[in-house]
All heavy atoms as atom14 arrays in JSON, in Angstrom:
{
  "sequence": "APGKEREFVAAISWSTSSTYIADSVKGRFTISRDNAKNTVYLQMNSL",
  "atom14_mask": [
    [1, 1, 1, 1, 1, 0, 0, 0, 0, 0, 0, 0, 0, 0],
    [1, 1, 1, 1, 1, 1, 1, 0, 0, 0, 0, 0, 0, 0],
    [1, 1, 1, 1, 0, 0, 0, 0, 0, 0, 0, 0, 0, 0],
    [1, 1, 1, 1, 1, 1, 1, 1, 1, 0, 0, 0, 0, 0],
    [1, 1, 1, 1, 1, 1, 1, 1, 1, 0, 0, 0, 0, 0],
    [1, 1, 1, 1, 1, 1, 1, 1, 1, 1, 1, 0, 0, 0],
    [1, 1, 1, 1, 1, 1, 1, 1, 1, 0, 0, 0, 0, 0],
    [1, 1, 1, 1, 1, 1, 1, 1, 1, 1, 1, 0, 0, 0],
    [1, 1, 1, 1, 1, 1, 1, 0, 0, 0, 0, 0, 0, 0],
    [1, 1, 1, 1, 1, 0, 0, 0, 0, 0, 0, 0, 0, 0],
    [1, 1, 1, 1, 1, 0, 0, 0, 0, 0, 0, 0, 0, 0],
    [1, 1, 1, 1, 1, 1, 1, 1, 0, 0, 0, 0, 0, 0],
    [1, 1, 1, 1, 1, 1, 0, 0, 0, 0, 0, 0, 0, 0],
    [1, 1, 1, 1, 1, 1, 1, 1, 1, 1, 1, 1, 1, 1],
    [1, 1, 1, 1, 1, 1, 0, 0, 0, 0, 0, 0, 0, 0],
    [1, 1, 1, 1, 1, 1, 1, 0, 0, 0, 0, 0, 0, 0],
    [1, 1, 1, 1, 1, 1, 0, 0, 0, 0, 0, 0, 0, 0],
    [1, 1, 1, 1, 1, 1, 0, 0, 0, 0, 0, 0, 0, 0],
    [1, 1, 1, 1, 1, 1, 1, 0, 0, 0, 0, 0, 0, 0],
    [1, 1, 1, 1, 1, 1, 1, 1, 1, 1, 1, 1, 0, 0],
    [1, 1, 1, 1, 1, 1, 1, 1, 0, 0, 0, 0, 0, 0],
    [1, 1, 1, 1, 1, 0, 0, 0, 0, 0, 0, 0, 0, 0],
    [1, 1, 1, 1, 1, 1, 1, 1, 0, 0, 0, 0, 0, 0],
    [1, 1, 1, 1, 1, 1, 0, 0, 0, 0, 0, 0, 0, 0],
    [1, 1, 1, 1, 1, 1, 1, 0, 0, 0, 0, 0, 0, 0],
    [1, 1, 1, 1, 1, 1, 1, 1, 1, 0, 0, 0, 0, 0],
    [1, 1, 1, 1, 0, 0, 0, 0, 0, 0, 0, 0, 0, 0],
    [1, 1, 1, 1, 1, 1, 1, 1, 1, 1, 1, 0, 0, 0],
    [1, 1, 1, 1, 1, 1, 1, 1, 1, 1, 1, 0, 0, 0],
    [1, 1, 1, 1, 1, 1, 1, 0, 0, 0, 0, 0, 0, 0],
    [1, 1, 1, 1, 1, 1, 1, 1, 0, 0, 0, 0, 0, 0],
    [1, 1, 1, 1, 1, 1, 0, 0, 0, 0, 0, 0, 0, 0],
    [1, 1, 1, 1, 1, 1, 1, 1, 1, 1, 1, 0, 0, 0],
    [1, 1, 1, 1, 1, 1, 1, 1, 0, 0, 0, 0, 0, 0],
    [1, 1, 1, 1, 1, 1, 1, 1, 0, 0, 0, 0, 0, 0],
    [1, 1, 1, 1, 1, 0, 0, 0, 0, 0, 0, 0, 0, 0],
    [1, 1, 1, 1, 1, 1, 1, 1, 1, 0, 0, 0, 0, 0],
    [1, 1, 1, 1, 1, 1, 1, 1, 0, 0, 0, 0, 0, 0],
    [1, 1, 1, 1, 1, 1, 1, 0, 0, 0, 0, 0, 0, 0],
    [1, 1, 1, 1, 1, 1, 1, 0, 0, 0, 0, 0, 0, 0],
    [1, 1, 1, 1, 1, 1, 1, 1, 1, 1, 1, 1, 0, 0],
    [1, 1, 1, 1, 1, 1, 1, 1, 0, 0, 0, 0, 0, 0],
    [1, 1, 1, 1, 1, 1, 1, 1, 1, 0, 0, 0, 0, 0],
    [1, 1, 1, 1, 1, 1, 1, 1, 0, 0, 0, 0, 0, 0],
    [1, 1, 1, 1, 1, 1, 1, 1, 0, 0, 0, 0, 0, 0],
    [1, 1, 1, 1, 1, 1, 0, 0, 0, 0, 0, 0, 0, 0],
    [1, 1, 1, 1, 1, 1, 1, 1, 0, 0, 0, 0, 0, 0]
  ],
  "atom14_positions": [
    [[88.31, 110.1, 84.78], [88.2, 111.23, 83.88], [86.73, 111.45, 83.53], [85.92, 110.51, 83.62], [89.02, 111.0, 82.62], [0.0, 0.0, 0.0], [0.0, 0.0, 0.0], [0.0, 0.0, 0.0], [0.0, 0.0, 0.0], [0.0, 0.0, 0.0], [0.0, 0.0, 0.0], [0.0, 0.0, 0.0], [0.0, 0.0, 0.0], [0.0, 0.0, 0.0]],
    [[86.35, 112.66, 83.11], [84.95, 112.92, 82.76], [84.43, 111.96, 81.7], [85.08, 111.72, 80.69], [84.99, 114.35, 82.23], [86.15, 114.98, 82.92], [87.17, 113.87, 83.01], [0.0, 0.0, 0.0], [0.0, 0.0, 0.0], [0.0, 0.0, 0.0], [0.0, 0.0, 0.0], [0.0, 0.0, 0.0], [0.0, 0.0, 0.0], [0.0, 0.0, 0.0]],
    [[83.27, 111.39, 81.97], [82.65, 110.47, 81.03], [83.23, 109.08, 81.01], [82.8, 108.25, 80.2], [0.0, 0.0, 0.0], [0.0, 0.0, 0.0], [0.0, 0.0, 0.0], [0.0, 0.0, 0.0], [0.0, 0.0, 0.0], [0.0, 0.0, 0.0], [0.0, 0.0, 0.0], [0.0, 0.0, 0.0], [0.0, 0.0, 0.0], [0.0, 0.0, 0.0]],
    [[84.18, 108.79, 81.88], [84.82, 107.48, 81.91], [84.62, 106.84, 83.28], [84.33, 107.51, 84.27], [86.31, 107.58, 81.6], [86.61, 108.19, 80.24], [88.09, 108.09, 79.91], [88.51, 106.66, 79.69], [89.93, 106.55, 79.26], [0.0, 0.0, 0.0], [0.0, 0.0, 0.0], [0.0, 0.0, 0.0], [0.0, 0.0, 0.0], [0.0, 0.0, 0.0]],
    [[84.79, 105.53, 83.31], [84.67, 104.8, 84.56], [85.93, 104.95, 85.4], [87.02, 105.24, 84.89], [84.39, 103.32, 84.3], [83.05, 103.05, 83.64], [82.75, 101.57, 83.52], [83.64, 100.75, 83.83], [81.63, 101.24, 83.12], [0.0, 0.0, 0.0], [0.0, 0.0, 0.0], [0.0, 0.0, 0.0], [0.0, 0.0, 0.0], [0.0, 0.0, 0.0]],
    [[85.77, 104.75, 86.68], [86.91, 104.8, 87.58], [87.85, 103.65, 87.29], [87.42, 102.51, 87.11], [86.41, 104.73, 89.02], [87.45, 105.09, 90.07], [86.79, 105.27, 91.43], [85.8, 106.35, 91.4], [85.1, 106.77, 92.44], [85.3, 106.2, 93.62], [84.22, 107.73, 92.31], [0.0, 0.0, 0.0], [0.0, 0.0, 0.0], [0.0, 0.0, 0.0]],
    [[89.15, 103.94, 87.24], [90.12, 102.92, 86.92], [91.22, 102.85, 87.97], [91.56, 103.84, 88.62], [90.75, 103.18, 85.54], [91.6, 104.43, 85.45], [92.28, 104.58, 84.09], [92.03, 103.76, 83.2], [93.08, 105.53, 83.94], [0.0, 0.0, 0.0], [0.0, 0.0, 0.0], [0.0, 0.0, 0.0], [0.0, 0.0, 0.0], [0.0, 0.0, 0.0]],
    [[91.77, 101.67, 88.09], [92.82, 101.41, 89.06], [94.13, 102.06, 88.64], [94.48, 102.08, 87.46], [93.03, 99.9, 89.2], [94.24, 99.52, 90.0], [94.22, 99.58, 91.38], [95.4, 99.11, 89.37], [95.34, 99.23, 92.12], [96.52, 98.76, 90.1], [96.48, 98.82, 91.48], [0.0, 0.0, 0.0], [0.0, 0.0, 0.0], [0.0, 0.0, 0.0]],
    [[94.87, 102.58, 89.62], [96.17, 103.18, 89.38], [97.27, 102.42, 90.13], [98.26, 102.0, 89.53], [96.2, 104.66, 89.78], [97.6, 105.24, 89.61], [95.19, 105.45, 88.96], [0.0, 0.0, 0.0], [0.0, 0.0, 0.0], [0.0, 0.0, 0.0], [0.0, 0.0, 0.0], [0.0, 0.0, 0.0], [0.0, 0.0, 0.0], [0.0, 0.0, 0.0]],
    [[97.11, 102.26, 91.44], [98.16, 101.64, 92.25], [97.59, 101.16, 93.56], [96.58, 101.68, 94.05], [99.31, 102.63, 92.51], [0.0, 0.0, 0.0], [0.0, 0.0, 0.0], [0.0, 0.0, 0.0], [0.0, 0.0, 0.0], [0.0, 0.0, 0.0], [0.0, 0.0, 0.0], [0.0, 0.0, 0.0], [0.0, 0.0, 0.0], [0.0, 0.0, 0.0]],
    [[98.23, 100.16, 94.15], [97.81, 99.63, 95.45], [99.03, 99.24, 96.26], [100.09, 98.94, 95.71], [96.89, 98.43, 95.27], [0.0, 0.0, 0.0], [0.0, 0.0, 0.0], [0.0, 0.0, 0.0], [0.0, 0.0, 0.0], [0.0, 0.0, 0.0], [0.0, 0.0, 0.0], [0.0, 0.0, 0.0], [0.0, 0.0, 0.0], [0.0, 0.0, 0.0]],
    [[98.86, 99.24, 97.58], [99.93, 98.86, 98.48], [99.33, 98.08, 99.64], [98.28, 98.42, 100.16], [100.72, 100.11, 98.98], [101.93, 99.69, 99.81], [99.82, 101.06, 99.75], [102.9, 100.84, 100.05], [0.0, 0.0, 0.0], [0.0, 0.0, 0.0], [0.0, 0.0, 0.0], [0.0, 0.0, 0.0], [0.0, 0.0, 0.0], [0.0, 0.0, 0.0]],
    [[100.01, 97.01, 100.04], [99.55, 96.17, 101.12], [100.0, 96.72, 102.47], [100.83, 97.63, 102.55], [100.05, 94.74, 100.94], [101.45, 94.67, 101.15], [0.0, 0.0, 0.0], [0.0, 0.0, 0.0], [0.0, 0.0, 0.0], [0.0, 0.0, 0.0], [0.0, 0.0, 0.0], [0.0, 0.0, 0.0], [0.0, 0.0, 0.0], [0.0, 0.0, 0.0]],
    [[99.48, 96.14, 103.53], [99.87, 96.54, 104.87], [101.06, 95.71, 105.38], [102.07, 96.27, 105.8], [98.7, 96.38, 105.84], [99.15, 96.34, 107.27], [99.72, 97.35, 107.99], [99.08, 95.2, 108.14], [100.01, 96.91, 109.27], [99.62, 95.61, 109.39], [98.61, 93.9, 108.01], [99.71, 94.74, 110.48], [98.68, 93.05, 109.1], [99.22, 93.47, 110.3]],
    [[100.94, 94.4, 105.34], [101.89, 93.54, 106.03], [103.31, 93.63, 105.47], [104.28, 93.6, 106.23], [101.41, 92.09, 105.99], [101.27, 91.63, 104.65], [0.0, 0.0, 0.0], [0.0, 0.0, 0.0], [0.0, 0.0, 0.0], [0.0, 0.0, 0.0], [0.0, 0.0, 0.0], [0.0, 0.0, 0.0], [0.0, 0.0, 0.0], [0.0, 0.0, 0.0]],
    [[103.43, 93.73, 104.16], [104.75, 93.74, 103.53], [105.03, 95.0, 102.72], [106.12, 95.15, 102.18], [104.91, 92.53, 102.6], [103.97, 92.62, 101.53], [104.69, 91.23, 103.37], [0.0, 0.0, 0.0], [0.0, 0.0, 0.0], [0.0, 0.0, 0.0], [0.0, 0.0, 0.0], [0.0, 0.0, 0.0], [0.0, 0.0, 0.0], [0.0, 0.0, 0.0]],
    [[104.05, 95.88, 102.62], [104.14, 97.06, 101.76], [104.42, 96.68, 100.31], [105.09, 97.43, 99.58], [105.19, 98.04, 102.28], [104.78, 98.63, 103.5], [0.0, 0.0, 0.0], [0.0, 0.0, 0.0], [0.0, 0.0, 0.0], [0.0, 0.0, 0.0], [0.0, 0.0, 0.0], [0.0, 0.0, 0.0], [0.0, 0.0, 0.0], [0.0, 0.0, 0.0]],
    [[103.94, 95.52, 99.91], [104.03, 95.14, 98.51], [103.17, 96.09, 97.68], [102.14, 96.59, 98.15], [103.54, 93.71, 98.32], [104.35, 92.79, 99.03], [0.0, 0.0, 0.0], [0.0, 0.0, 0.0], [0.0, 0.0, 0.0], [0.0, 0.0, 0.0], [0.0, 0.0, 0.0], [0.0, 0.0, 0.0], [0.0, 0.0, 0.0], [0.0, 0.0, 0.0]],
    [[103.59, 96.34, 96.45], [102.87, 97.28, 95.59], [102.51, 96.64, 94.27], [103.14, 95.69, 93.81], [103.69, 98.54, 95.32], [104.9, 98.2, 94.63], [104.06, 99.24, 96.62], [0.0, 0.0, 0.0], [0.0, 0.0, 0.0], [0.0, 0.0, 0.0], [0.0, 0.0, 0.0], [0.0, 0.0, 0.0], [0.0, 0.0, 0.0], [0.0, 0.0, 0.0]],
    [[101.47, 97.18, 93.67], [101.05, 96.79, 92.33], [100.67, 98.06, 91.59], [99.88, 98.86, 92.09], [99.87, 95.82, 92.38], [99.54, 95.24, 91.04], [100.21, 94.11, 90.56], [98.56, 95.81, 90.23], [99.91, 93.58, 89.32], [98.26, 95.27, 88.99], [98.94, 94.16, 88.54], [98.65, 93.62, 87.31], [0.0, 0.0, 0.0], [0.0, 0.0, 0.0]],
    [[101.23, 98.24, 90.4], [101.06, 99.46, 89.64], [100.42, 99.13, 88.3], [100.83, 98.17, 87.63], [102.41, 100.17, 89.41], [103.17, 100.33, 90.72], [102.19, 101.52, 88.74], [102.49, 101.2, 91.73], [0.0, 0.0, 0.0], [0.0, 0.0, 0.0], [0.0, 0.0, 0.0], [0.0, 0.0, 0.0], [0.0, 0.0, 0.0], [0.0, 0.0, 0.0]],
    [[99.45, 99.92, 87.9], [98.81, 99.73, 86.6], [99.82, 99.92, 85.48], [100.72, 100.76, 85.56], [97.64, 100.69, 86.44], [0.0, 0.0, 0.0], [0.0, 0.0, 0.0], [0.0, 0.0, 0.0], [0.0, 0.0, 0.0], [0.0, 0.0, 0.0], [0.0, 0.0, 0.0], [0.0, 0.0, 0.0], [0.0, 0.0, 0.0], [0.0, 0.0, 0.0]],
    [[99.65, 99.15, 84.41], [100.58, 99.22, 83.29], [100.66, 100.62, 82.69], [101.72, 101.04, 82.22], [100.17, 98.22, 82.21], [100.43, 96.78, 82.6], [101.24, 96.54, 83.52], [99.84, 95.88, 81.97], [0.0, 0.0, 0.0], [0.0, 0.0, 0.0], [0.0, 0.0, 0.0], [0.0, 0.0, 0.0], [0.0, 0.0, 0.0], [0.0, 0.0, 0.0]],
    [[99.55, 101.34, 82.72], [99.51, 102.65, 82.1], [100.41, 103.68, 82.79], [100.78, 104.68, 82.18], [98.07, 103.17, 82.06], [97.54, 103.28, 83.37], [0.0, 0.0, 0.0], [0.0, 0.0, 0.0], [0.0, 0.0, 0.0], [0.0, 0.0, 0.0], [0.0, 0.0, 0.0], [0.0, 0.0, 0.0], [0.0, 0.0, 0.0], [0.0, 0.0, 0.0]],
    [[100.75, 103.43, 84.04], [101.58, 104.37, 84.78], [102.85, 103.74, 85.33], [103.64, 104.42, 86.0], [100.78, 105.02, 85.93], [99.56, 105.76, 85.39], [100.36, 103.97, 86.96], [0.0, 0.0, 0.0], [0.0, 0.0, 0.0], [0.0, 0.0, 0.0], [0.0, 0.0, 0.0], [0.0, 0.0, 0.0], [0.0, 0.0, 0.0], [0.0, 0.0, 0.0]],
    [[103.06, 102.48, 85.06], [104.24, 101.77, 85.58], [105.52, 102.44, 85.09], [105.64, 102.79, 83.92], [104.19, 100.31, 85.16], [105.22, 99.42, 85.84], [105.02, 97.96, 85.45], [103.66, 97.45, 85.89], [103.47, 96.01, 85.53], [0.0, 0.0, 0.0], [0.0, 0.0, 0.0], [0.0, 0.0, 0.0], [0.0, 0.0, 0.0], [0.0, 0.0, 0.0]],
    [[106.45, 102.61, 86.01], [107.7, 103.28, 85.69], [107.65, 104.77, 85.89], [108.7, 105.43, 85.89], [0.0, 0.0, 0.0], [0.0, 0.0, 0.0], [0.0, 0.0, 0.0], [0.0, 0.0, 0.0], [0.0, 0.0, 0.0], [0.0, 0.0, 0.0], [0.0, 0.0, 0.0], [0.0, 0.0, 0.0], [0.0, 0.0, 0.0], [0.0, 0.0, 0.0]],
    [[106.45, 105.33, 86.04], [106.28, 106.76, 86.26], [105.7, 107.09, 87.63], [106.06, 108.09, 88.22], [105.39, 107.37, 85.17], [105.95, 107.2, 83.76], [105.1, 107.95, 82.73], [103.73, 107.43, 82.66], [102.64, 108.15, 82.93], [102.75, 109.42, 83.3], [101.44, 107.6, 82.83], [0.0, 0.0, 0.0], [0.0, 0.0, 0.0], [0.0, 0.0, 0.0]],
    [[104.8, 106.23, 88.11], [104.13, 106.46, 89.38], [104.65, 105.49, 90.43], [104.98, 104.34, 90.13], [102.62, 106.25, 89.26], [101.89, 107.29, 88.47], [102.55, 108.22, 87.68], [100.5, 107.34, 88.52], [101.87, 109.17, 86.95], [99.8, 108.3, 87.79], [100.47, 109.21, 87.01], [0.0, 0.0, 0.0], [0.0, 0.0, 0.0], [0.0, 0.0, 0.0]],
    [[104.69, 105.94, 91.68], [105.11, 105.12, 92.8], [104.15, 105.34, 93.96], [103.83, 106.48, 94.29], [106.54, 105.46, 93.26], [107.44, 105.3, 92.17], [106.97, 104.55, 94.4], [0.0, 0.0, 0.0], [0.0, 0.0, 0.0], [0.0, 0.0, 0.0], [0.0, 0.0, 0.0], [0.0, 0.0, 0.0], [0.0, 0.0, 0.0], [0.0, 0.0, 0.0]],
    [[103.72, 104.25, 94.58], [102.87, 104.34, 95.75], [103.69, 103.97, 96.99], [104.53, 103.07, 96.94], [101.62, 103.44, 95.62], [100.65, 103.67, 96.79], [102.01, 101.97, 95.5], [99.31, 102.97, 96.61], [0.0, 0.0, 0.0], [0.0, 0.0, 0.0], [0.0, 0.0, 0.0], [0.0, 0.0, 0.0], [0.0, 0.0, 0.0], [0.0, 0.0, 0.0]],
    [[103.45, 104.66, 98.08], [104.13, 104.37, 99.34], [103.21, 104.74, 100.49], [102.19, 105.4, 100.29], [105.46, 105.12, 99.44], [105.26, 106.51, 99.4], [0.0, 0.0, 0.0], [0.0, 0.0, 0.0], [0.0, 0.0, 0.0], [0.0, 0.0, 0.0], [0.0, 0.0, 0.0], [0.0, 0.0, 0.0], [0.0, 0.0, 0.0], [0.0, 0.0, 0.0]],
    [[103.58, 104.33, 101.68], [102.75, 104.65, 102.84], [103.61, 104.89, 104.06], [104.72, 104.36, 104.19], [101.73, 103.54, 103.11], [102.32, 102.21, 103.55], [101.26, 101.11, 103.55], [100.17, 101.41, 104.48], [98.99, 100.8, 104.46], [98.73, 99.87, 103.54], [98.06, 101.11, 105.35], [0.0, 0.0, 0.0], [0.0, 0.0, 0.0], [0.0, 0.0, 0.0]],
    [[103.08, 105.69, 104.96], [103.69, 105.94, 106.26], [102.6, 105.67, 107.28], [101.76, 106.53, 107.55], [104.2, 107.38, 106.36], [104.97, 107.63, 107.65], [104.77, 106.89, 108.63], [105.78, 108.58, 107.68], [0.0, 0.0, 0.0], [0.0, 0.0, 0.0], [0.0, 0.0, 0.0], [0.0, 0.0, 0.0], [0.0, 0.0, 0.0], [0.0, 0.0, 0.0]],
    [[102.61, 104.48, 107.82], [101.53, 104.07, 108.72], [101.51, 104.9, 110.0], [100.44, 105.12, 110.57], [101.66, 102.59, 109.05], [101.33, 101.7, 107.88], [100.64, 102.1, 106.94], [101.84, 100.47, 107.91], [0.0, 0.0, 0.0], [0.0, 0.0, 0.0], [0.0, 0.0, 0.0], [0.0, 0.0, 0.0], [0.0, 0.0, 0.0], [0.0, 0.0, 0.0]],
    [[102.66, 105.35, 110.45], [102.71, 106.17, 111.66], [101.98, 107.49, 111.47], [101.49, 108.07, 112.43], [104.15, 106.42, 112.07], [0.0, 0.0, 0.0], [0.0, 0.0, 0.0], [0.0, 0.0, 0.0], [0.0, 0.0, 0.0], [0.0, 0.0, 0.0], [0.0, 0.0, 0.0], [0.0, 0.0, 0.0], [0.0, 0.0, 0.0], [0.0, 0.0, 0.0]],
    [[101.91, 107.97, 110.23], [101.24, 109.22, 109.92], [99.86, 109.02, 109.31], [99.21, 110.0, 108.94], [102.09, 110.06, 108.97], [103.44, 110.48, 109.54], [104.23, 111.31, 108.53], [105.56, 111.74, 109.11], [106.35, 112.53, 108.12], [0.0, 0.0, 0.0], [0.0, 0.0, 0.0], [0.0, 0.0, 0.0], [0.0, 0.0, 0.0], [0.0, 0.0, 0.0]],
    [[99.44, 107.77, 109.22], [98.14, 107.46, 108.6], [98.03, 108.09, 107.21], [97.0, 108.67, 106.86], [96.99, 107.93, 109.48], [96.8, 107.08, 110.71], [97.46, 106.06, 110.89], [95.87, 107.49, 111.57], [0.0, 0.0, 0.0], [0.0, 0.0, 0.0], [0.0, 0.0, 0.0], [0.0, 0.0, 0.0], [0.0, 0.0, 0.0], [0.0, 0.0, 0.0]],
    [[99.09, 107.97, 106.44], [99.15, 108.64, 105.15], [99.69, 107.71, 104.08], [100.64, 106.95, 104.32], [100.03, 109.89, 105.22], [99.53, 110.77, 106.23], [100.04, 110.63, 103.9], [0.0, 0.0, 0.0], [0.0, 0.0, 0.0], [0.0, 0.0, 0.0], [0.0, 0.0, 0.0], [0.0, 0.0, 0.0], [0.0, 0.0, 0.0], [0.0, 0.0, 0.0]],
    [[99.09, 107.77, 102.91], [99.57, 107.06, 101.74], [99.86, 108.09, 100.65], [99.18, 109.12, 100.56], [98.57, 105.99, 101.26], [97.25, 106.63, 100.82], [99.16, 105.14, 100.15], [0.0, 0.0, 0.0], [0.0, 0.0, 0.0], [0.0, 0.0, 0.0], [0.0, 0.0, 0.0], [0.0, 0.0, 0.0], [0.0, 0.0, 0.0], [0.0, 0.0, 0.0]],
    [[100.89, 107.83, 99.83], [101.33, 108.78, 98.83], [101.29, 108.17, 97.44], [101.44, 106.96, 97.26], [102.77, 109.23, 99.11], [102.98, 109.8, 100.49], [103.47, 109.0, 101.52], [102.67, 111.13, 100.77], [103.67, 109.52, 102.79], [102.86, 111.65, 102.03], [103.36, 110.84, 103.04], [103.54, 111.36, 104.3], [0.0, 0.0, 0.0], [0.0, 0.0, 0.0]],
    [[101.1, 109.03, 96.47], [101.25, 108.64, 95.08], [102.18, 109.66, 94.43], [101.79, 110.81, 94.21], [99.91, 108.6, 94.34], [99.96, 108.13, 92.89], [100.32, 106.64, 92.84], [98.65, 108.39, 92.18], [0.0, 0.0, 0.0], [0.0, 0.0, 0.0], [0.0, 0.0, 0.0], [0.0, 0.0, 0.0], [0.0, 0.0, 0.0], [0.0, 0.0, 0.0]],
    [[103.41, 109.25, 94.17], [104.38, 110.09, 93.49], [104.2, 109.91, 92.0], [104.32, 108.79, 91.49], [105.8, 109.73, 93.9], [106.88, 110.55, 93.21], [106.84, 112.01, 93.6], [106.76, 112.33, 94.78], [106.9, 112.9, 92.62], [0.0, 0.0, 0.0], [0.0, 0.0, 0.0], [0.0, 0.0, 0.0], [0.0, 0.0, 0.0], [0.0, 0.0, 0.0]],
    [[103.92, 110.99, 91.29], [103.64, 110.94, 89.86], [104.7, 111.74, 89.12], [104.8, 112.96, 89.28], [102.25, 111.49, 89.56], [101.13, 110.81, 90.36], [99.48, 111.35, 89.86], [99.56, 113.08, 90.34], [0.0, 0.0, 0.0], [0.0, 0.0, 0.0], [0.0, 0.0, 0.0], [0.0, 0.0, 0.0], [0.0, 0.0, 0.0], [0.0, 0.0, 0.0]],
    [[105.49, 111.06, 88.32], [106.53, 111.68, 87.53], [106.23, 111.53, 86.05], [105.43, 110.68, 85.64], [107.89, 111.05, 87.84], [108.31, 111.21, 89.28], [108.05, 112.24, 89.91], [108.98, 110.19, 89.82], [0.0, 0.0, 0.0], [0.0, 0.0, 0.0], [0.0, 0.0, 0.0], [0.0, 0.0, 0.0], [0.0, 0.0, 0.0], [0.0, 0.0, 0.0]],
    [[106.89, 112.34, 85.24], [106.72, 112.29, 83.79], [105.26, 112.3, 83.4], [104.8, 111.48, 82.59], [107.43, 111.05, 83.23], [108.81, 111.05, 83.55], [0.0, 0.0, 0.0], [0.0, 0.0, 0.0], [0.0, 0.0, 0.0], [0.0, 0.0, 0.0], [0.0, 0.0, 0.0], [0.0, 0.0, 0.0], [0.0, 0.0, 0.0], [0.0, 0.0, 0.0]],
    [[104.52, 113.22, 83.94], [103.08, 113.26, 83.73], [102.74, 113.56, 82.27], [103.43, 114.32, 81.59], [102.45, 114.3, 84.64], [102.29, 113.85, 86.1], [102.08, 115.05, 87.0], [101.13, 112.87, 86.22], [0.0, 0.0, 0.0], [0.0, 0.0, 0.0], [0.0, 0.0, 0.0], [0.0, 0.0, 0.0], [0.0, 0.0, 0.0], [0.0, 0.0, 0.0]]
  ]
}
């Protein structure tokens, strides 16, 4: 955000697609990936 430092939101691994979500967005945001499409997604609900 303007005037603030960059902060972590979510991460996903390659080998197991394990995920880790920041507490501030846990339960609302979901990270996923489609390696065949070289694409990663962040689904954001209840914004």
